[in-house]
Amino acid sequence: MPIQALIFDFDGLILDTETVEFEAIDELYREHGHQLQRERWVLNLGTHGQTDLYADLATLAGRPLDLVGLRARQRALYLERCDALTLRPGLAELLAAARARGLALAVASSSGSGWVERWLARHVIREYFGCVRTSEHVQHVKPAPDLFLSAAACLGVAPEHCVVFEDSPNGMRAAAAAGMRCVAVPIALMAGYELPPVTLQLQLLSDMTLDQLLARLG
């Protein structure tokens, strides 16, 4: 089946906001004598509402904590560090090559539109994407297939002609549920973590050229 469209996750795939998030929350845990367990954090990766890490911390601490204050501190630190992020390696080159080839491009993210659009504009890559689909556009975020199916419909491309680029297990499950091929590009923090079945796995987007990717996926 010929590939006509590439659909990209945002957090962790375009910008590694996820490592920044993990480190900021882990710092709060360590202040209270504990360590954030990756297995708990991964539950929320690529989605939201699966587990409350701050309630977990309060349980571990065994006493009431100022959860509102902790969330505000983490958010401020998170935003400050996100400001310093650059695009993940190989992303800019892949977008340029895909546009030159005439492939349709979209972003499909469980985050909100304000968040995604802000960073796409800041890093001057919004123009590449014919569609951006976020939590505001669907009833269910990943691991449900809604975001990817919505992006494909927006592009006017059938799911079987789309390839998804994902870093999170929830996103990979969503791609499979949407009937789309998936290229996994997990962040370094996921090293050694068992991922759902995917079509292809890379360490970085820069590991292959677009032509090499299409040849492998085709």
C-alpha atoms as a PDB file:
ATOM      1  CA  MET A   1       0.000   0.000   0.000  1.00  0.00           C
ATOM      2  CA  PRO A   2       1.602   3.289  -1.050  1.00  0.00           C
ATOM      3  CA  ILE A   3       2.324   5.814   1.685  1.00  0.00           C
ATOM      4  CA  GLN A   4       0.553   9.117   1.127  1.00  0.00           C
ATOM      5  CA  ALA A   5       0.712  10.775   4.544  1.00  0.00           C
ATOM      6  CA  LEU A   6       2.907  11.022   7.635  1.00  0.00           C
ATOM      7  CA  ILE A   7       1.265  11.743  10.986  1.00  0.00           C
ATOM      8  CA  PHE A   8       3.443  12.905  13.881  1.00  0.00           C
ATOM      9  CA  ASP A   9       2.887  12.823  17.604  1.00  0.00           C
ATOM     10  CA  PHE A  10       4.043  16.023  19.309  1.00  0.00           C
ATOM     11  CA  ASP A  11       5.302  15.641  22.906  1.00  0.00           C
ATOM     12  CA  GLY A  12       8.393  13.466  22.929  1.00  0.00           C
ATOM     13  CA  LEU A  13       8.459  13.075  19.161  1.00  0.00           C
ATOM     14  CA  ILE A  14       8.858  16.629  17.860  1.00  0.00           C
ATOM     15  CA  LEU A  15      10.139  18.111  21.137  1.00  0.00           C
ATOM     16  CA  ASP A  16      11.314  15.986  24.045  1.00  0.00           C
ATOM     17  CA  THR A  17       9.025  17.650  26.547  1.00  0.00           C
ATOM     18  CA  GLU A  18       8.473  14.286  28.202  1.00  0.00           C
ATOM     19  CA  THR A  19      11.970  13.883  29.639  1.00  0.00           C
ATOM     20  CA  VAL A  20      11.709  17.441  30.935  1.00  0.00           C
ATOM     21  CA  GLU A  21       8.397  16.576  32.603  1.00  0.00           C
ATOM     22  CA  PHE A  22       9.745  13.406  34.191  1.00  0.00           C
ATOM     23  CA  GLU A  23      12.800  15.167  35.592  1.00  0.00           C
ATOM     24  CA  ALA A  24      10.775  18.058  37.018  1.00  0.00           C
ATOM     25  CA  ILE A  25       8.345  15.732  38.816  1.00  0.00           C
ATOM     26  CA  ASP A  26      11.154  13.461  39.983  1.00  0.00           C
ATOM     27  CA  GLU A  27      12.873  16.438  41.624  1.00  0.00           C
ATOM     28  CA  LEU A  28       9.744  17.007  43.717  1.00  0.00           C
ATOM     29  CA  TYR A  29       9.651  13.340  44.679  1.00  0.00           C
ATOM     30  CA  ARG A  30      13.294  13.435  45.746  1.00  0.00           C
ATOM     31  CA  GLU A  31      12.664  16.490  47.908  1.00  0.00           C
ATOM     32  CA  HIS A  32      10.281  14.287  49.874  1.00  0.00           C
ATOM     33  CA  GLY A  33      12.649  11.337  50.069  1.00  0.00           C
ATOM     34  CA  HIS A  34      11.236   9.287  47.213  1.00  0.00           C
ATOM     35  CA  GLN A  35      11.890   8.577  43.549  1.00  0.00           C
ATOM     36  CA  LEU A  36       9.412   8.760  40.668  1.00  0.00           C
ATOM     37  CA  GLN A  37       8.900   5.275  39.270  1.00  0.00           C
ATOM     38  CA  ARG A  38       9.063   5.184  35.489  1.00  0.00           C
ATOM     39  CA  GLU A  39       6.368   2.488  35.376  1.00  0.00           C
ATOM     40  CA  ARG A  40       3.854   4.881  36.977  1.00  0.00           C
ATOM     41  CA  TRP A  41       4.889   7.884  34.882  1.00  0.00           C
ATOM     42  CA  VAL A  42       4.592   5.931  31.596  1.00  0.00           C
ATOM     43  CA  LEU A  43       0.893   5.358  32.245  1.00  0.00           C
ATOM     44  CA  ASN A  44       0.249   9.034  31.417  1.00  0.00           C
ATOM     45  CA  LEU A  45       2.694   9.158  28.507  1.00  0.00           C
ATOM     46  CA  GLY A  46       0.923  10.194  25.311  1.00  0.00           C
ATOM     47  CA  THR A  47      -2.416  10.456  27.092  1.00  0.00           C
ATOM     48  CA  HIS A  48      -3.754  11.939  30.330  1.00  0.00           C
ATOM     49  CA  GLY A  49      -5.754  11.078  33.402  1.00  0.00           C
ATOM     50  CA  GLN A  50      -4.447   7.532  33.877  1.00  0.00           C
ATOM     51  CA  THR A  51      -2.753   8.166  37.209  1.00  0.00           C
ATOM     52  CA  ASP A  52      -2.258  11.086  39.620  1.00  0.00           C
ATOM     53  CA  LEU A  53       1.467  11.239  40.371  1.00  0.00           C
ATOM     54  CA  TYR A  54       0.979  13.949  42.977  1.00  0.00           C
ATOM     55  CA  ALA A  55      -1.551  11.864  44.900  1.00  0.00           C
ATOM     56  CA  ASP A  56       0.964   9.015  44.651  1.00  0.00           C
ATOM     57  CA  LEU A  57       3.593  11.244  46.245  1.00  0.00           C
ATOM     58  CA  ALA A  58       1.254  12.202  49.081  1.00  0.00           C
ATOM     59  CA  THR A  59       0.606   8.522  49.733  1.00  0.00           C
ATOM     60  CA  LEU A  60       4.331   7.792  49.772  1.00  0.00           C
ATOM     61  CA  ALA A  61       4.980  10.737  52.098  1.00  0.00           C
ATOM     62  CA  GLY A  62       2.313   9.492  54.503  1.00  0.00           C
ATOM     63  CA  ARG A  63       1.127  13.015  55.273  1.00  0.00           C
ATOM     64  CA  PRO A  64      -0.869  15.822  53.657  1.00  0.00           C
ATOM     65  CA  LEU A  65       1.051  17.820  51.053  1.00  0.00           C
ATOM     66  CA  ASP A  66       0.359  21.106  49.304  1.00  0.00           C
ATOM     67  CA  LEU A  67      -0.477  19.431  46.001  1.00  0.00           C
ATOM     68  CA  VAL A  68      -1.607  22.673  44.392  1.00  0.00           C
ATOM     69  CA  GLY A  69       1.704  24.291  45.278  1.00  0.00           C
ATOM     70  CA  LEU A  70       3.671  21.269  44.057  1.00  0.00           C
ATOM     71  CA  ARG A  71       1.858  21.270  40.723  1.00  0.00           C
ATOM     72  CA  ALA A  72       2.503  24.995  40.298  1.00  0.00           C
ATOM     73  CA  ARG A  73       6.225  24.579  41.038  1.00  0.00           C
ATOM     74  CA  GLN A  74       6.532  21.678  38.630  1.00  0.00           C
ATOM     75  CA  ARG A  75       4.688  23.567  35.908  1.00  0.00           C
ATOM     76  CA  ALA A  76       6.928  26.623  36.216  1.00  0.00           C
ATOM     77  CA  LEU A  77      10.076  24.500  36.090  1.00  0.00           C
ATOM     78  CA  TYR A  78       8.678  22.466  33.197  1.00  0.00           C
ATOM     79  CA  LEU A  79       7.887  25.525  31.085  1.00  0.00           C
ATOM     80  CA  GLU A  80      11.275  27.098  31.786  1.00  0.00           C
ATOM     81  CA  ARG A  81      13.070  23.970  30.589  1.00  0.00           C
ATOM     82  CA  CYS A  82      10.803  23.492  27.563  1.00  0.00           C
ATOM     83  CA  ASP A  83      11.861  26.954  26.417  1.00  0.00           C
ATOM     84  CA  ALA A  84      15.392  25.634  25.960  1.00  0.00           C
ATOM     85  CA  LEU A  85      14.438  22.575  23.890  1.00  0.00           C
ATOM     86  CA  THR A  86      15.315  22.122  20.229  1.00  0.00           C
ATOM     87  CA  LEU A  87      13.636  19.889  17.662  1.00  0.00           C
ATOM     88  CA  ARG A  88      14.519  16.227  18.001  1.00  0.00           C
ATOM     89  CA  PRO A  89      17.331  15.116  15.672  1.00  0.00           C
ATOM     90  CA  GLY A  90      16.252  14.429  12.104  1.00  0.00           C
ATOM     91  CA  LEU A  91      12.803  15.987  12.417  1.00  0.00           C
ATOM     92  CA  ALA A  92      13.455  19.106  10.313  1.00  0.00           C
ATOM     93  CA  GLU A  93      15.154  17.103   7.574  1.00  0.00           C
ATOM     94  CA  LEU A  94      12.325  14.566   7.474  1.00  0.00           C
ATOM     95  CA  LEU A  95       9.681  17.275   7.164  1.00  0.00           C
ATOM     96  CA  ALA A  96      11.531  18.982   4.328  1.00  0.00           C
ATOM     97  CA  ALA A  97      12.031  15.708   2.456  1.00  0.00           C
ATOM     98  CA  ALA A  98       8.384  14.720   2.909  1.00  0.00           C
ATOM     99  CA  ARG A  99       7.161  18.051   1.589  1.00  0.00           C
ATOM    100  CA  ALA A 100       9.485  17.801  -1.404  1.00  0.00           C
ATOM    101  CA  ARG A 101       8.052  14.370  -2.162  1.00  0.00           C
ATOM    102  CA  GLY A 102       4.482  15.666  -1.910  1.00  0.00           C
ATOM    103  CA  LEU A 103       3.431  13.655   1.142  1.00  0.00           C
ATOM    104  CA  ALA A 104       0.631  15.026   3.305  1.00  0.00           C
ATOM    105  CA  LEU A 105       1.662  15.851   6.879  1.00  0.00           C
ATOM    106  CA  ALA A 106      -0.268  16.162  10.141  1.00  0.00           C
ATOM    107  CA  VAL A 107       0.249  16.350  13.897  1.00  0.00           C
ATOM    108  CA  ALA A 108      -1.963  14.285  16.206  1.00  0.00           C
ATOM    109  CA  SER A 109      -1.449  14.965  19.918  1.00  0.00           C
ATOM    110  CA  SER A 110      -3.291  14.228  23.146  1.00  0.00           C
ATOM    111  CA  SER A 111      -2.183  17.663  24.373  1.00  0.00           C
ATOM    112  CA  GLY A 112      -4.233  20.818  23.881  1.00  0.00           C
ATOM    113  CA  SER A 113      -4.214  22.979  20.770  1.00  0.00           C
ATOM    114  CA  GLY A 114      -2.712  25.990  22.521  1.00  0.00           C
ATOM    115  CA  TRP A 115       0.273  23.964  23.672  1.00  0.00           C
ATOM    116  CA  VAL A 116       0.949  22.267  20.340  1.00  0.00           C
ATOM    117  CA  GLU A 117       0.366  25.310  18.133  1.00  0.00           C
ATOM    118  CA  ARG A 118       2.581  27.450  20.369  1.00  0.00           C
ATOM    119  CA  TRP A 119       5.637  25.266  19.887  1.00  0.00           C
ATOM    120  CA  LEU A 120       5.069  24.502  16.216  1.00  0.00           C
ATOM    121  CA  ALA A 121       4.982  28.240  15.565  1.00  0.00           C
ATOM    122  CA  ARG A 122       7.956  28.955  17.793  1.00  0.00           C
ATOM    123  CA  HIS A 123      10.133  26.422  15.971  1.00  0.00           C
ATOM    124  CA  VAL A 124       8.836  27.608  12.578  1.00  0.00           C
ATOM    125  CA  ILE A 125       7.468  24.258  11.416  1.00  0.00           C
ATOM    126  CA  ARG A 126       3.705  24.898  11.515  1.00  0.00           C
ATOM    127  CA  GLU A 127       3.614  25.497   7.767  1.00  0.00           C
ATOM    128  CA  TYR A 128       4.567  21.892   7.052  1.00  0.00           C
ATOM    129  CA  PHE A 129       1.373  20.463   8.504  1.00  0.00           C
ATOM    130  CA  GLY A 130      -1.901  20.444   6.620  1.00  0.00           C
ATOM    131  CA  CYS A 131      -3.728  19.433   9.797  1.00  0.00           C
ATOM    132  CA  VAL A 132      -3.139  19.603  13.536  1.00  0.00           C
ATOM    133  CA  ARG A 133      -5.433  17.475  15.661  1.00  0.00           C
ATOM    134  CA  THR A 134      -5.417  17.710  19.467  1.00  0.00           C
ATOM    135  CA  SER A 135      -7.534  16.784  22.472  1.00  0.00           C
ATOM    136  CA  GLU A 136     -10.056  19.499  21.567  1.00  0.00           C
ATOM    137  CA  HIS A 137     -10.880  17.772  18.291  1.00  0.00           C
ATOM    138  CA  VAL A 138     -11.840  14.311  19.535  1.00  0.00           C
ATOM    139  CA  GLN A 139     -13.886  12.609  22.217  1.00  0.00           C
ATOM    140  CA  HIS A 140     -11.140  10.190  23.220  1.00  0.00           C
ATOM    141  CA  VAL A 141      -7.364  10.728  23.200  1.00  0.00           C
ATOM    142  CA  LYS A 142      -4.731   8.007  22.820  1.00  0.00           C
ATOM    143  CA  PRO A 143      -4.677   5.020  23.175  1.00  0.00           C
ATOM    144  CA  ALA A 144      -7.999   5.378  21.344  1.00  0.00           C
ATOM    145  CA  PRO A 145      -7.522   5.754  17.557  1.00  0.00           C
ATOM    146  CA  ASP A 146      -9.625   8.933  17.296  1.00  0.00           C
ATOM    147  CA  LEU A 147      -6.765  11.430  16.923  1.00  0.00           C
ATOM    148  CA  PHE A 148      -5.056   9.544  14.123  1.00  0.00           C
ATOM    149  CA  LEU A 149      -8.313   8.829  12.308  1.00  0.00           C
ATOM    150  CA  SER A 150      -9.288  12.490  12.606  1.00  0.00           C
ATOM    151  CA  ALA A 151      -5.921  13.589  11.200  1.00  0.00           C
ATOM    152  CA  ALA A 152      -6.219  11.162   8.276  1.00  0.00           C
ATOM    153  CA  ALA A 153      -9.750  12.338   7.506  1.00  0.00           C
ATOM    154  CA  CYS A 154      -8.592  15.959   7.644  1.00  0.00           C
ATOM    155  CA  LEU A 155      -5.824  15.172   5.147  1.00  0.00           C
ATOM    156  CA  GLY A 156      -8.200  13.182   2.966  1.00  0.00           C
ATOM    157  CA  VAL A 157      -6.023  10.061   3.148  1.00  0.00           C
ATOM    158  CA  ALA A 158      -7.220   6.549   4.020  1.00  0.00           C
ATOM    159  CA  PRO A 159      -5.717   5.091   7.241  1.00  0.00           C
ATOM    160  CA  GLU A 160      -3.949   2.291   5.396  1.00  0.00           C
ATOM    161  CA  HIS A 161      -1.968   4.896   3.429  1.00  0.00           C
ATOM    162  CA  CYS A 162      -0.773   6.714   6.578  1.00  0.00           C
ATOM    163  CA  VAL A 163       2.340   6.206   8.678  1.00  0.00           C
ATOM    164  CA  VAL A 164       2.413   7.344  12.303  1.00  0.00           C
ATOM    165  CA  PHE A 165       5.574   8.472  14.105  1.00  0.00           C
ATOM    166  CA  GLU A 166       5.273   7.902  17.853  1.00  0.00           C
ATOM    167  CA  ASP A 167       7.383   7.781  20.996  1.00  0.00           C
ATOM    168  CA  SER A 168       4.836   6.614  23.581  1.00  0.00           C
ATOM    169  CA  PRO A 169       3.298   3.163  24.121  1.00  0.00           C
ATOM    170  CA  ASN A 170      -0.177   4.720  24.252  1.00  0.00           C
ATOM    171  CA  GLY A 171       0.421   6.380  20.896  1.00  0.00           C
ATOM    172  CA  MET A 172       1.673   3.150  19.374  1.00  0.00           C
ATOM    173  CA  ARG A 173      -1.472   1.366  20.537  1.00  0.00           C
ATOM    174  CA  ALA A 174      -3.571   4.159  19.049  1.00  0.00           C
ATOM    175  CA  ALA A 175      -1.841   3.819  15.675  1.00  0.00           C
ATOM    176  CA  ALA A 176      -2.492   0.079  15.643  1.00  0.00           C
ATOM    177  CA  ALA A 177      -6.136   0.637  16.544  1.00  0.00           C
ATOM    178  CA  ALA A 178      -6.397   3.132  13.669  1.00  0.00           C
ATOM    179  CA  GLY A 179      -5.037   0.548  11.217  1.00  0.00           C
ATOM    180  CA  MET A 180      -1.913   2.571  10.461  1.00  0.00           C
ATOM    181  CA  ARG A 181       1.723   1.587  10.176  1.00  0.00           C
ATOM    182  CA  CYS A 182       3.799   2.968  13.043  1.00  0.00           C
ATOM    183  CA  VAL A 183       7.421   4.024  13.375  1.00  0.00           C
ATOM    184  CA  ALA A 184       8.456   4.061  17.029  1.00  0.00           C
ATOM    185  CA  VAL A 185      11.060   6.636  18.044  1.00  0.00           C
ATOM    186  CA  PRO A 186      11.129   6.337  21.852  1.00  0.00           C
ATOM    187  CA  ILE A 187      12.937   8.868  23.989  1.00  0.00           C
ATOM    188  CA  ALA A 188      16.124   7.763  25.801  1.00  0.00           C
ATOM    189  CA  LEU A 189      14.204   7.526  29.072  1.00  0.00           C
ATOM    190  CA  MET A 190      12.265   4.585  27.589  1.00  0.00           C
ATOM    191  CA  ALA A 191      15.407   2.485  27.010  1.00  0.00           C
ATOM    192  CA  GLY A 192      14.754  -1.112  28.010  1.00  0.00           C
ATOM    193  CA  TYR A 193      11.000  -0.576  28.310  1.00  0.00           C
ATOM    194  CA  GLU A 194       8.936  -3.138  26.404  1.00  0.00           C
ATOM    195  CA  LEU A 195       6.971  -1.390  23.659  1.00  0.00           C
ATOM    196  CA  PRO A 196       3.835  -2.551  21.853  1.00  0.00           C
ATOM    197  CA  PRO A 197       4.377  -4.152  18.412  1.00  0.00           C
ATOM    198  CA  VAL A 198       5.189  -1.586  15.710  1.00  0.00           C
ATOM    199  CA  THR A 199       6.164  -1.652  12.043  1.00  0.00           C
ATOM    200  CA  LEU A 200       9.623  -0.187  12.604  1.00  0.00           C
ATOM    201  CA  GLN A 201      11.640   1.151  15.534  1.00  0.00           C
ATOM    202  CA  LEU A 202      14.372   3.800  15.361  1.00  0.00           C
ATOM    203  CA  GLN A 203      16.553   5.359  18.022  1.00  0.00           C
ATOM    204  CA  LEU A 204      16.353   8.727  16.264  1.00  0.00           C
ATOM    205  CA  LEU A 205      14.535  10.099  13.242  1.00  0.00           C
ATOM    206  CA  SER A 206      17.957  10.873  11.814  1.00  0.00           C
ATOM    207  CA  ASP A 207      18.800   7.144  11.663  1.00  0.00           C
ATOM    208  CA  MET A 208      17.231   6.845   8.191  1.00  0.00           C
ATOM    209  CA  THR A 209      16.500   9.130   5.273  1.00  0.00           C
ATOM    210  CA  LEU A 210      12.929   9.428   4.063  1.00  0.00           C
ATOM    211  CA  ASP A 211      13.738   7.253   1.058  1.00  0.00           C
ATOM    212  CA  GLN A 212      15.130   4.549   3.325  1.00  0.00           C
ATOM    213  CA  LEU A 213      12.092   4.748   5.578  1.00  0.00           C
ATOM    214  CA  LEU A 214       9.660   4.462   2.691  1.00  0.00           C
ATOM    215  CA  ALA A 215      11.550   1.509   1.289  1.00  0.00           C
ATOM    216  CA  ARG A 216      11.388  -0.293   4.649  1.00  0.00           C
ATOM    217  CA  LEU A 217       7.755   0.575   5.263  1.00  0.00           C
ATOM    218  CA  GLY A 218       6.599  -0.215   1.742  1.00  0.00           C
END
